[in-house]
């Protein structure tokens, strides 16, 4: 029974057990140990397991119902309530500490030229035309320029199979609703972009966690899932994985594509971070073009306010179906933003800003490695986030959650592994982001705060390197896998 970790908390807490039970349910839901709509054990069984009086557990569940954490149905039992998992947004407040944002480089010449180009573009544009409804997917010019830009990563990029959409998240929502039918599962990594968890909760989609190690998704686990359960699609982040920074080796990409082809499973390839490295392995769309939806965007290197994504569909027919799904959920991408991005691509601004961002991210990644290497940190060149494994606590409490809260109060963008967990076994680890409004001086102070927190919480250096503390990883960090140069 997965509720045995409650025992230590119940024994050590000064709260009455019936008052603590709702808190424990809420914490397990937040950390991924409980999933929305999961059935809870019978009250008598739970009381026996926790060594509590039956009426105490009944009172605890009653309070949980009053708080909206669970719902009970006569003859069926109690279920975790399937609430929407919100994503915090902000403009200058501490909630940004949970978002993975690229460094802001307002004073860099490339970014200043982008601002100047934006002003010029708007001055010369047919403004009234940009204020009207337009066909979904961008104008012919938008798609043509986007295909030229994306050819650096997808050599066979053609505008006929490309859609311009309002951000990667909107594409993921549309694809999940389009590809995963009732009764099917969406195969995912054990740690994923939290937005996928939010989308799945909203749509009632079941996530099927696969196995992962320090190199990324393990193909054999995908094969096993295809043989044992109805799979609607495979979702993965193959480059600079969020949160672990893993980059999937070429051989595994080939294996995953082969499995998908044999079982006719569509692939959702989320390449949000794939533009940051100077070289990455070929995308999965090259190995399974007839099944792969390849998605990229600008938010992880230009700025989160530019809600522009580019998505390639496998065929003309799937392109049309995806356009319909996106139109139903978003109506269209902003013509103003599309026009601006197209001008940036056409005048070389996007390439300038991306080159500058790579240089800045390399400096920040170097700082992370230098300061946190004794703590087994995992990062990649040109990335702005890192994965920091933590030792497993002995008392059942979450060291990662406590440290993340402590660091965020100090202005450090730290997020506990439970935020990303899909397998109800949250790893003890933190994602540390050195992007956003942090200056280089701020980065030094942020990393020192992380070191201080680690030294205060972890006294045995050897325990920091315990492989079991790395969550889904089974061994030491590896060098980046061989990569094909970007064209």
Protein backbone atom coordinates (compact mmCIF):
# COMPACT_ATOMS: atom_id res chain seq x y z
CA UNK A 1 0.00 0.00 0.00
CA UNK A 2 1.54 3.36 -1.06
CA UNK A 3 0.36 5.13 2.12
CA UNK A 4 2.98 3.67 4.47
CA UNK A 5 5.01 6.89 4.28
CA UNK A 6 2.15 8.54 6.23
CA UNK A 7 3.00 6.52 9.33
CA UNK A 8 6.08 8.53 10.32
CA UNK A 9 4.25 11.84 9.80
CA UNK A 10 1.25 10.70 11.84
CA UNK A 11 3.49 9.64 14.72
CA UNK A 12 5.59 12.81 14.76
CA UNK A 13 2.86 15.41 14.16
CA UNK A 14 1.21 17.36 16.97
CA UNK A 15 -1.98 17.66 14.90
CA UNK A 16 -4.81 15.18 15.49
CA UNK A 17 -4.64 12.42 12.89
CA UNK A 18 -7.99 13.32 11.34
CA UNK A 19 -6.73 16.87 10.68
CA UNK A 20 -3.42 15.66 9.27
CA UNK A 21 -4.96 13.20 6.79
CA UNK A 22 -6.21 15.95 4.39
CA UNK A 23 -2.76 17.57 4.51
CA UNK A 24 -1.12 14.27 3.60
CA UNK A 25 -3.52 13.72 0.70
CA UNK A 26 -2.87 17.25 -0.60
CA UNK A 27 0.89 16.78 -0.34
CA UNK A 28 0.79 13.41 -2.13
CA UNK A 29 -1.30 14.91 -4.92
CA UNK A 30 1.11 17.81 -5.31
CA UNK A 31 4.16 15.54 -5.31
CA UNK A 32 2.73 13.02 -7.76
CA UNK A 33 2.29 10.10 -5.36
CA UNK A 34 -1.46 10.36 -5.96
CA UNK A 35 -2.97 10.99 -9.37
CA UNK A 36 -6.26 12.76 -10.18
CA UNK A 37 -9.17 10.29 -10.24
CA UNK A 38 -7.12 7.59 -8.50
CA UNK A 39 -9.20 5.31 -6.28
CA UNK A 40 -8.25 5.39 -2.60
CA UNK A 41 -8.11 2.24 -0.46
CA UNK A 42 -11.10 1.20 1.67
CA UNK A 43 -11.25 3.11 4.94
CA UNK A 44 -10.98 0.01 7.14
CA UNK A 45 -7.93 -1.22 5.24
CA UNK A 46 -6.27 2.18 5.54
CA UNK A 47 -7.07 2.43 9.26
CA UNK A 48 -5.52 -0.99 9.83
CA UNK A 49 -2.41 -0.12 7.83
CA UNK A 50 -1.91 3.20 9.64
CA UNK A 51 -2.79 1.76 13.05
CA UNK A 52 -5.60 4.30 13.47
CA UNK A 53 -9.16 4.06 14.71
CA UNK A 54 -11.66 3.58 11.88
CA UNK A 55 -13.67 6.64 12.93
CA UNK A 56 -10.49 8.76 12.85
CA UNK A 57 -9.92 7.87 9.19
CA UNK A 58 -13.60 8.53 8.43
CA UNK A 59 -13.30 12.03 9.97
CA UNK A 60 -10.08 12.65 8.04
CA UNK A 61 -11.68 11.73 4.71
CA UNK A 62 -14.70 13.89 5.57
CA UNK A 63 -12.40 16.89 5.99
CA UNK A 64 -10.61 16.02 2.74
CA UNK A 65 -13.99 16.04 0.97
CA UNK A 66 -14.84 19.44 2.46
CA UNK A 67 -11.55 20.79 1.08
CA UNK A 68 -12.34 19.41 -2.38
CA UNK A 69 -9.41 16.97 -2.33
CA UNK A 70 -11.46 13.79 -2.76
CA UNK A 71 -14.93 12.70 -3.80
CA UNK A 72 -16.82 9.68 -2.41
CA UNK A 73 -19.45 7.67 -4.26
CA UNK A 74 -21.75 5.15 -2.54
CA UNK A 75 -20.74 1.62 -3.39
CA UNK A 76 -17.65 2.73 -5.30
CA UNK A 77 -15.40 4.26 -2.66
CA UNK A 78 -13.35 7.45 -2.54
CA UNK A 79 -11.35 8.98 -5.38
CA UNK A 80 -8.77 11.73 -5.64
CA UNK A 81 -10.40 14.73 -7.21
CA UNK A 82 -9.16 15.49 -10.74
CA UNK A 83 -8.46 19.17 -10.36
CA UNK A 84 -6.64 21.21 -12.99
CA UNK A 85 -2.94 21.63 -12.32
CA UNK A 86 -2.34 25.34 -12.86
CA UNK A 87 0.87 26.82 -14.23
CA UNK A 88 2.02 29.98 -12.43
CA UNK A 89 2.55 33.05 -14.57
CA UNK A 90 3.97 36.38 -13.61
CA UNK A 91 5.33 39.73 -14.69
CA UNK A 92 7.77 40.73 -11.99
CA UNK A 93 6.68 38.54 -9.06
CA UNK A 94 8.13 35.53 -7.31
CA UNK A 95 5.95 33.01 -9.18
CA UNK A 96 8.47 33.21 -12.03
CA UNK A 97 10.78 31.21 -9.80
CA UNK A 98 8.96 28.06 -10.95
CA UNK A 99 9.32 28.74 -14.69
CA UNK A 100 12.23 27.69 -16.92
CA UNK A 101 13.11 30.97 -18.61
CA UNK A 102 16.06 31.86 -20.86
CA UNK A 103 18.45 34.60 -19.72
CA UNK A 104 17.29 38.13 -20.47
CA UNK A 105 19.85 40.05 -22.53
CA UNK A 106 18.17 43.42 -23.06
CA UNK A 107 21.51 45.25 -23.33
CA UNK A 108 23.04 42.86 -25.88
CA UNK A 109 23.40 44.42 -29.36
CA UNK A 110 21.48 41.53 -30.95
CA UNK A 111 18.49 42.12 -28.68
CA UNK A 112 18.63 45.86 -29.25
CA UNK A 113 18.55 45.24 -33.01
CA UNK A 114 15.55 42.95 -32.49
CA UNK A 115 13.75 45.79 -30.71
CA UNK A 116 14.63 48.26 -33.48
CA UNK A 117 13.49 45.80 -36.15
CA UNK A 118 10.20 45.28 -34.29
CA UNK A 119 9.51 49.01 -34.28
CA UNK A 120 10.33 49.26 -37.98
CA UNK A 121 8.20 46.25 -38.86
CA UNK A 122 5.13 47.65 -37.15
CA UNK A 123 5.65 51.06 -38.74
CA UNK A 124 5.70 49.57 -42.25
CA UNK A 125 3.06 46.86 -41.78
CA UNK A 126 -0.51 46.97 -43.04
CA UNK A 127 -1.75 47.33 -39.49
CA UNK A 128 -5.45 46.91 -40.25
CA UNK A 129 -4.77 43.65 -42.09
CA UNK A 130 -2.93 42.30 -39.04
CA UNK A 131 -5.94 43.12 -36.87
CA UNK A 132 -8.25 40.80 -38.84
CA UNK A 133 -8.98 37.09 -38.56
CA UNK A 134 -6.69 35.00 -40.76
CA UNK A 135 -6.53 31.39 -41.85
CA UNK A 136 -5.04 29.17 -39.18
CA UNK A 137 -1.39 28.19 -39.50
CA UNK A 138 0.07 31.49 -40.65
CA UNK A 139 0.23 33.22 -44.03
CA UNK A 140 2.11 31.69 -46.95
CA UNK A 141 4.99 34.06 -46.15
CA UNK A 142 4.99 33.05 -42.47
CA UNK A 143 5.14 29.34 -43.32
CA UNK A 144 7.74 29.77 -46.08
CA UNK A 145 10.14 31.72 -43.84
CA UNK A 146 9.49 29.38 -40.90
CA UNK A 147 10.35 26.36 -43.07
CA UNK A 148 13.59 28.04 -44.18
CA UNK A 149 14.48 28.74 -40.54
CA UNK A 150 13.57 25.24 -39.33
CA UNK A 151 15.64 23.55 -42.06
CA UNK A 152 18.65 23.97 -39.74
CA UNK A 153 17.14 21.25 -37.54
CA UNK A 154 14.68 19.47 -39.87
CA UNK A 155 16.39 19.12 -43.27
CA UNK A 156 13.15 18.09 -45.03
CA UNK A 157 11.20 21.08 -43.72
CA UNK A 158 8.52 22.11 -46.20
CA UNK A 159 5.89 24.83 -45.70
CA UNK A 160 3.08 22.52 -46.89
CA UNK A 161 3.34 20.44 -43.69
CA UNK A 162 4.14 23.31 -41.31
CA UNK A 163 1.78 25.24 -39.06
CA UNK A 164 2.53 28.43 -37.14
CA UNK A 165 0.82 28.12 -33.75
CA UNK A 166 0.48 30.25 -30.59
CA UNK A 167 3.11 28.47 -28.49
CA UNK A 168 4.22 24.88 -27.93
CA UNK A 169 1.75 24.36 -25.09
CA UNK A 170 -1.23 24.98 -27.36
CA UNK A 171 0.15 22.45 -29.86
CA UNK A 172 0.54 19.84 -27.12
CA UNK A 173 -3.05 20.41 -26.01
CA UNK A 174 -4.33 19.99 -29.56
CA UNK A 175 -2.21 16.90 -30.27
CA UNK A 176 -3.16 15.16 -27.03
CA UNK A 177 -6.85 15.68 -27.72
CA UNK A 178 -6.41 14.61 -31.35
CA UNK A 179 -4.23 11.51 -30.95
CA UNK A 180 -5.11 9.93 -27.60
CA UNK A 181 -8.56 8.37 -27.73
CA UNK A 182 -10.66 7.30 -24.70
CA UNK A 183 -9.17 4.15 -23.20
CA UNK A 184 -5.71 4.89 -24.60
CA UNK A 185 -2.63 6.21 -22.77
CA UNK A 186 -0.04 8.82 -23.60
CA UNK A 187 3.43 7.33 -23.08
CA UNK A 188 5.74 9.82 -21.35
CA UNK A 189 9.06 10.01 -19.55
CA UNK A 190 8.92 9.58 -15.74
CA UNK A 191 9.81 13.27 -15.45
CA UNK A 192 8.11 15.63 -17.90
CA UNK A 193 7.29 19.23 -18.67
CA UNK A 194 4.57 20.01 -16.08
CA UNK A 195 2.34 21.39 -18.81
CA UNK A 196 1.77 17.85 -20.09
CA UNK A 197 0.52 16.85 -16.64
CA UNK A 198 -1.81 19.85 -16.66
CA UNK A 199 -3.12 18.98 -20.13
CA UNK A 200 -3.65 15.33 -19.19
CA UNK A 201 -5.54 16.30 -16.03
CA UNK A 202 -7.75 18.71 -17.95
CA UNK A 203 -8.56 16.23 -20.73
CA UNK A 204 -8.79 13.16 -18.50
CA UNK A 205 -5.92 11.54 -20.40
CA UNK A 206 -4.07 8.70 -18.71
CA UNK A 207 -0.27 9.07 -18.66
CA UNK A 208 1.84 5.91 -18.97
CA UNK A 209 5.32 6.58 -17.50
CA UNK A 210 8.23 4.84 -19.21
CA UNK A 211 11.70 4.10 -17.83
CA UNK A 212 14.55 6.57 -18.16
CA UNK A 213 18.25 6.70 -17.30
CA UNK A 214 21.00 9.31 -17.57
CA UNK A 215 20.82 9.21 -21.39
CA UNK A 216 17.06 9.59 -21.60
CA UNK A 217 14.12 7.37 -22.47
CA UNK A 218 14.80 3.61 -22.54
CA UNK A 219 13.38 2.09 -25.75
CA UNK A 220 12.65 -1.32 -24.19
CA UNK A 221 10.14 0.27 -21.82
CA UNK A 222 8.32 1.81 -24.79
CA UNK A 223 8.22 -1.58 -26.51
CA UNK A 224 6.78 -3.18 -23.37
CA UNK A 225 4.10 -0.49 -23.11
CA UNK A 226 3.06 -0.95 -26.74
CA UNK A 227 2.62 -4.68 -26.11
CA UNK A 228 0.74 -4.37 -22.81
CA UNK A 229 -1.54 -1.34 -23.06
CA UNK A 230 -3.44 0.68 -25.69
CA UNK A 231 -1.07 3.54 -26.57
CA UNK A 232 -2.37 6.64 -28.31
CA UNK A 233 0.97 8.42 -28.74
CA UNK A 234 4.50 8.80 -27.40
CA UNK A 235 5.53 12.20 -26.03
CA UNK A 236 9.18 13.00 -25.36
CA UNK A 237 11.66 15.87 -25.04
CA UNK A 238 14.82 14.44 -26.66
CA UNK A 239 17.21 17.42 -26.42
CA UNK A 240 18.22 19.12 -23.15
CA UNK A 241 15.39 17.26 -21.46
CA UNK A 242 13.36 19.23 -18.94
CA UNK A 243 14.28 18.80 -16.10
CA UNK A 244 17.22 16.34 -16.33
CA UNK A 245 19.14 17.95 -19.27
CA UNK A 246 19.60 14.49 -20.88
CA UNK A 247 20.02 14.36 -24.66
CA UNK A 248 18.84 11.15 -26.29
CA UNK A 249 21.60 9.30 -28.23
CA UNK A 250 21.20 8.53 -31.92
CA UNK A 251 20.87 4.78 -31.36
CA UNK A 252 17.93 5.23 -28.99
CA UNK A 253 16.21 7.59 -31.42
CA UNK A 254 16.48 4.92 -34.09
CA UNK A 255 15.12 2.27 -31.73
CA UNK A 256 12.18 4.40 -30.57
CA UNK A 257 11.29 5.25 -34.16
CA UNK A 258 11.45 1.57 -35.15
CA UNK A 259 9.15 0.57 -32.27
CA UNK A 260 6.70 3.35 -33.12
CA UNK A 261 6.64 2.25 -36.77
CA UNK A 262 6.07 -1.41 -35.89
CA UNK A 263 3.19 -0.55 -33.55
CA UNK A 264 1.84 2.44 -35.55
CA UNK A 265 2.16 4.82 -32.59
CA UNK A 266 2.39 8.57 -33.37
CA UNK A 267 5.34 10.47 -31.87
CA UNK A 268 5.06 13.96 -30.35
CA UNK A 269 8.62 15.34 -30.47
CA UNK A 270 8.85 18.39 -28.20
CA UNK A 271 12.09 20.12 -29.19
CA UNK A 272 11.64 23.25 -27.09
CA UNK A 273 15.34 23.30 -26.14
CA UNK A 274 16.83 21.80 -29.31
CA UNK A 275 17.93 25.13 -30.78
CA UNK A 276 20.22 25.97 -27.87
CA UNK A 277 23.00 23.39 -28.50
CA UNK A 278 25.27 24.08 -31.46
CA UNK A 279 24.90 20.42 -32.49
CA UNK A 280 22.26 17.81 -31.68
CA UNK A 281 21.49 14.33 -33.00
CA UNK A 282 18.99 14.13 -35.87
CA UNK A 283 15.36 14.53 -34.76
CA UNK A 284 13.02 11.56 -34.56
CA UNK A 285 11.07 13.00 -37.47
CA UNK A 286 13.97 11.90 -39.70
CA UNK A 287 13.63 8.29 -38.54
CA UNK A 288 9.81 8.08 -38.54
CA UNK A 289 8.58 10.95 -40.74
CA UNK A 290 5.20 9.31 -41.39
CA UNK A 291 4.37 9.25 -37.64
CA UNK A 292 6.19 12.19 -36.03
CA UNK A 293 4.81 15.59 -35.09
CA UNK A 294 7.88 17.79 -34.57
CA UNK A 295 7.38 20.93 -32.47
CA UNK A 296 9.76 23.81 -31.83
CA UNK A 297 9.33 27.34 -30.58
CA UNK A 298 11.01 30.59 -29.63
CA UNK A 299 10.19 30.86 -25.93
CA UNK A 300 13.31 29.04 -24.65
CA UNK A 301 15.82 31.24 -26.47
CA UNK A 302 14.08 34.47 -27.48
CA UNK A 303 11.56 35.00 -24.70
CA UNK A 304 8.41 33.51 -23.21
CA UNK A 305 6.36 36.49 -24.39
CA UNK A 306 6.85 35.44 -28.02
CA UNK A 307 4.09 32.83 -28.20
CA UNK A 308 5.14 31.32 -31.52
CA UNK A 309 5.63 27.64 -32.25
CA UNK A 310 6.34 25.77 -35.47
CA UNK A 311 4.94 22.27 -35.88
CA UNK A 312 5.48 19.79 -38.70
CA UNK A 313 2.78 17.18 -39.31
CA UNK A 314 3.57 13.79 -40.89
CA UNK A 315 1.24 14.09 -43.91
CA UNK A 316 -1.07 16.51 -45.67
CA UNK A 317 -4.07 14.79 -44.08
CA UNK A 318 -2.66 14.97 -40.53
CA UNK A 319 -1.65 18.57 -41.21
CA UNK A 320 -5.28 19.42 -41.93
CA UNK A 321 -6.59 17.53 -38.90
CA UNK A 322 -4.08 19.24 -36.60
CA UNK A 323 -5.01 22.63 -38.04
CA UNK A 324 -8.64 21.87 -37.20
CA UNK A 325 -7.79 20.83 -33.64
CA UNK A 326 -5.69 23.95 -33.08
CA UNK A 327 -8.35 26.18 -34.58
CA UNK A 328 -10.90 24.69 -32.18
CA UNK A 329 -8.73 25.43 -29.13
CA UNK A 330 -6.94 28.67 -30.05
CA UNK A 331 -8.74 30.13 -33.13
CA UNK A 332 -5.41 31.34 -34.55
CA UNK A 333 -1.94 32.55 -33.70
CA UNK A 334 -1.64 36.33 -33.38
CA UNK A 335 -1.06 37.82 -36.87
CA UNK A 336 0.87 40.64 -35.21
CA UNK A 337 3.31 38.21 -33.59
CA UNK A 338 3.57 36.07 -36.72
CA UNK A 339 4.44 39.12 -38.82
CA UNK A 340 7.06 40.24 -36.34
CA UNK A 341 8.71 36.80 -36.12
CA UNK A 342 8.73 36.47 -39.92
CA UNK A 343 10.52 39.82 -40.23
CA UNK A 344 13.05 38.76 -37.59
CA UNK A 345 13.75 35.56 -39.52
CA UNK A 346 13.98 37.34 -42.88
CA UNK A 347 16.42 39.99 -41.64
CA UNK A 348 18.69 37.57 -39.74
CA UNK A 349 17.67 38.83 -36.30
CA UNK A 350 16.62 35.38 -35.06
CA UNK A 351 20.01 33.92 -35.95
CA UNK A 352 21.82 36.80 -34.22
CA UNK A 353 19.81 36.46 -31.02
CA UNK A 354 20.15 32.67 -30.98
CA UNK A 355 23.94 32.91 -31.35
CA UNK A 356 24.11 35.42 -28.50
CA UNK A 357 21.84 33.24 -26.34
CA UNK A 358 24.05 30.20 -26.91
CA UNK A 359 27.10 32.14 -25.75
CA UNK A 360 25.34 33.39 -22.63
CA UNK A 361 23.97 29.94 -21.80
CA UNK A 362 27.42 28.40 -22.20
CA UNK A 363 28.81 30.83 -19.63
CA UNK A 364 26.00 30.04 -17.20
CA UNK A 365 26.31 26.31 -17.75
CA UNK A 366 30.04 26.54 -17.03
CA UNK A 367 29.30 28.37 -13.77
CA UNK A 368 26.84 25.66 -12.73
CA UNK A 369 29.39 22.92 -13.35
CA UNK A 370 32.19 24.73 -11.54
CA UNK A 371 30.15 25.53 -8.44
CA UNK A 372 27.96 22.42 -8.14
CA UNK A 373 30.07 19.61 -9.58
CA UNK A 374 30.88 18.23 -6.08
CA UNK A 375 27.13 17.67 -5.71
CA UNK A 376 26.80 15.52 -8.86
CA UNK A 377 24.99 18.23 -10.82
CA UNK A 378 23.85 17.39 -14.34
CA UNK A 379 23.91 20.02 -17.05
CA UNK A 380 24.78 20.45 -20.73
CA UNK A 381 26.70 23.12 -22.65
CA UNK A 382 24.43 25.90 -23.94
CA UNK A 383 21.70 25.03 -21.42
CA UNK A 384 20.40 27.38 -18.74
CA UNK A 385 18.97 24.77 -16.35
CA UNK A 386 20.52 21.94 -14.37
CA UNK A 387 19.34 18.81 -12.56
CA UNK A 388 20.62 18.40 -9.01
CA UNK A 389 20.07 14.94 -7.44
CA UNK A 390 19.59 14.89 -3.66
CA UNK A 391 19.99 12.06 -1.14
CA UNK A 392 16.90 10.11 -0.16
CA UNK A 393 15.58 11.25 3.25
CA UNK A 394 15.25 8.65 5.97
CA UNK A 395 12.10 10.06 7.60
CA UNK A 396 9.89 10.06 4.50
CA UNK A 397 9.85 13.86 4.26
CA UNK A 398 10.76 15.56 0.98
CA UNK A 399 14.15 17.23 1.16
CA UNK A 400 13.71 18.51 -2.40
CA UNK A 401 10.42 20.28 -1.69
CA UNK A 402 11.79 21.94 1.44
CA UNK A 403 14.96 23.08 -0.33
CA UNK A 404 13.03 24.36 -3.34
CA UNK A 405 10.80 26.49 -1.10
CA UNK A 406 13.83 27.77 0.80
CA UNK A 407 15.74 28.66 -2.38
CA UNK A 408 12.77 30.36 -4.05
CA UNK A 409 12.41 32.58 -0.99
CA UNK A 410 15.99 33.69 -1.75
CA UNK A 411 15.23 34.40 -5.40
CA UNK A 412 16.63 31.15 -6.83
CA UNK A 413 14.51 29.42 -9.48
CA UNK A 414 14.43 25.93 -7.93
CA UNK A 415 11.70 23.35 -8.53
CA UNK A 416 11.40 19.95 -6.81
CA UNK A 417 11.36 16.77 -8.86
CA UNK A 418 7.82 15.99 -7.72
CA UNK A 419 6.57 18.78 -9.99
CA UNK A 420 7.69 16.80 -13.03
CA UNK A 421 6.94 13.27 -11.80
CA UNK A 422 4.47 11.05 -13.66
CA UNK A 423 5.15 7.68 -12.03
CA UNK A 424 4.03 8.47 -8.43
CA UNK A 425 7.60 7.91 -7.28
CA UNK A 426 8.98 11.47 -7.20
CA UNK A 427 12.77 11.61 -7.26
CA UNK A 428 14.70 13.61 -4.72
CA UNK A 429 16.14 16.26 -6.96
CA UNK A 430 15.90 19.91 -7.99
CA UNK A 431 15.80 21.70 -11.30
CA UNK A 432 17.87 24.86 -10.98
CA UNK A 433 17.31 27.58 -13.59
CA UNK A 434 19.84 30.37 -14.15
CA UNK A 435 17.75 32.27 -16.66
CA UNK A 436 15.15 34.98 -16.43
CA UNK A 437 16.19 38.37 -15.11
CA UNK A 438 19.27 37.07 -13.27
CA UNK A 439 22.41 39.00 -14.18
CA UNK A 440 25.81 37.29 -14.17
CA UNK A 441 26.45 38.66 -10.69
CA UNK A 442 23.05 37.34 -9.62
CA UNK A 443 24.02 33.90 -10.96
CA UNK A 444 27.01 33.78 -8.65
CA UNK A 445 24.87 34.69 -5.65
CA UNK A 446 22.19 32.17 -6.66
CA UNK A 447 24.70 29.34 -6.97
CA UNK A 448 26.24 30.23 -3.62
CA UNK A 449 22.77 30.05 -2.07
CA UNK A 450 22.38 26.55 -3.52
CA UNK A 451 25.78 25.50 -2.15
CA UNK A 452 24.94 26.90 1.28
CA UNK A 453 21.59 25.12 1.33
CA UNK A 454 23.22 21.83 0.34
CA UNK A 455 25.96 22.12 2.93
CA UNK A 456 23.43 22.94 5.64
CA UNK A 457 21.12 20.06 4.70
CA UNK A 458 23.62 17.41 3.55
CA UNK A 459 26.60 16.77 5.81
CA UNK A 460 27.94 13.57 4.23
CA UNK A 461 29.41 14.33 0.76
CA UNK A 462 29.34 10.65 -0.17
CA UNK A 463 25.57 10.56 0.21
CA UNK A 464 25.26 13.22 -2.47
CA UNK A 465 26.64 10.77 -5.01
CA UNK A 466 24.31 7.93 -4.07
CA UNK A 467 22.96 6.71 -7.44
CA UNK A 468 19.57 6.04 -5.84
CA UNK A 469 19.28 9.75 -5.14
CA UNK A 470 19.20 10.57 -8.83
CA UNK A 471 15.55 9.75 -9.25
CA UNK A 472 15.07 8.01 -12.59
CA UNK A 473 18.80 7.65 -13.22
CA UNK A 474 20.61 4.41 -12.58
CA UNK A 475 24.21 5.51 -12.92
CA UNK A 476 26.68 8.41 -13.04
CA UNK A 477 26.23 11.27 -15.47
CA UNK A 478 27.60 10.63 -18.92
CA UNK A 479 29.21 12.86 -21.50
CA UNK A 480 26.85 14.34 -24.08
CA UNK A 481 26.04 11.73 -26.75
CA UNK A 482 27.57 12.04 -30.23
CA UNK A 483 25.79 14.68 -32.24
CA UNK A 484 25.37 15.48 -35.90
CA UNK A 485 26.36 19.07 -36.76
CA UNK A 486 23.43 21.39 -37.27
CA UNK A 487 23.14 22.55 -40.87
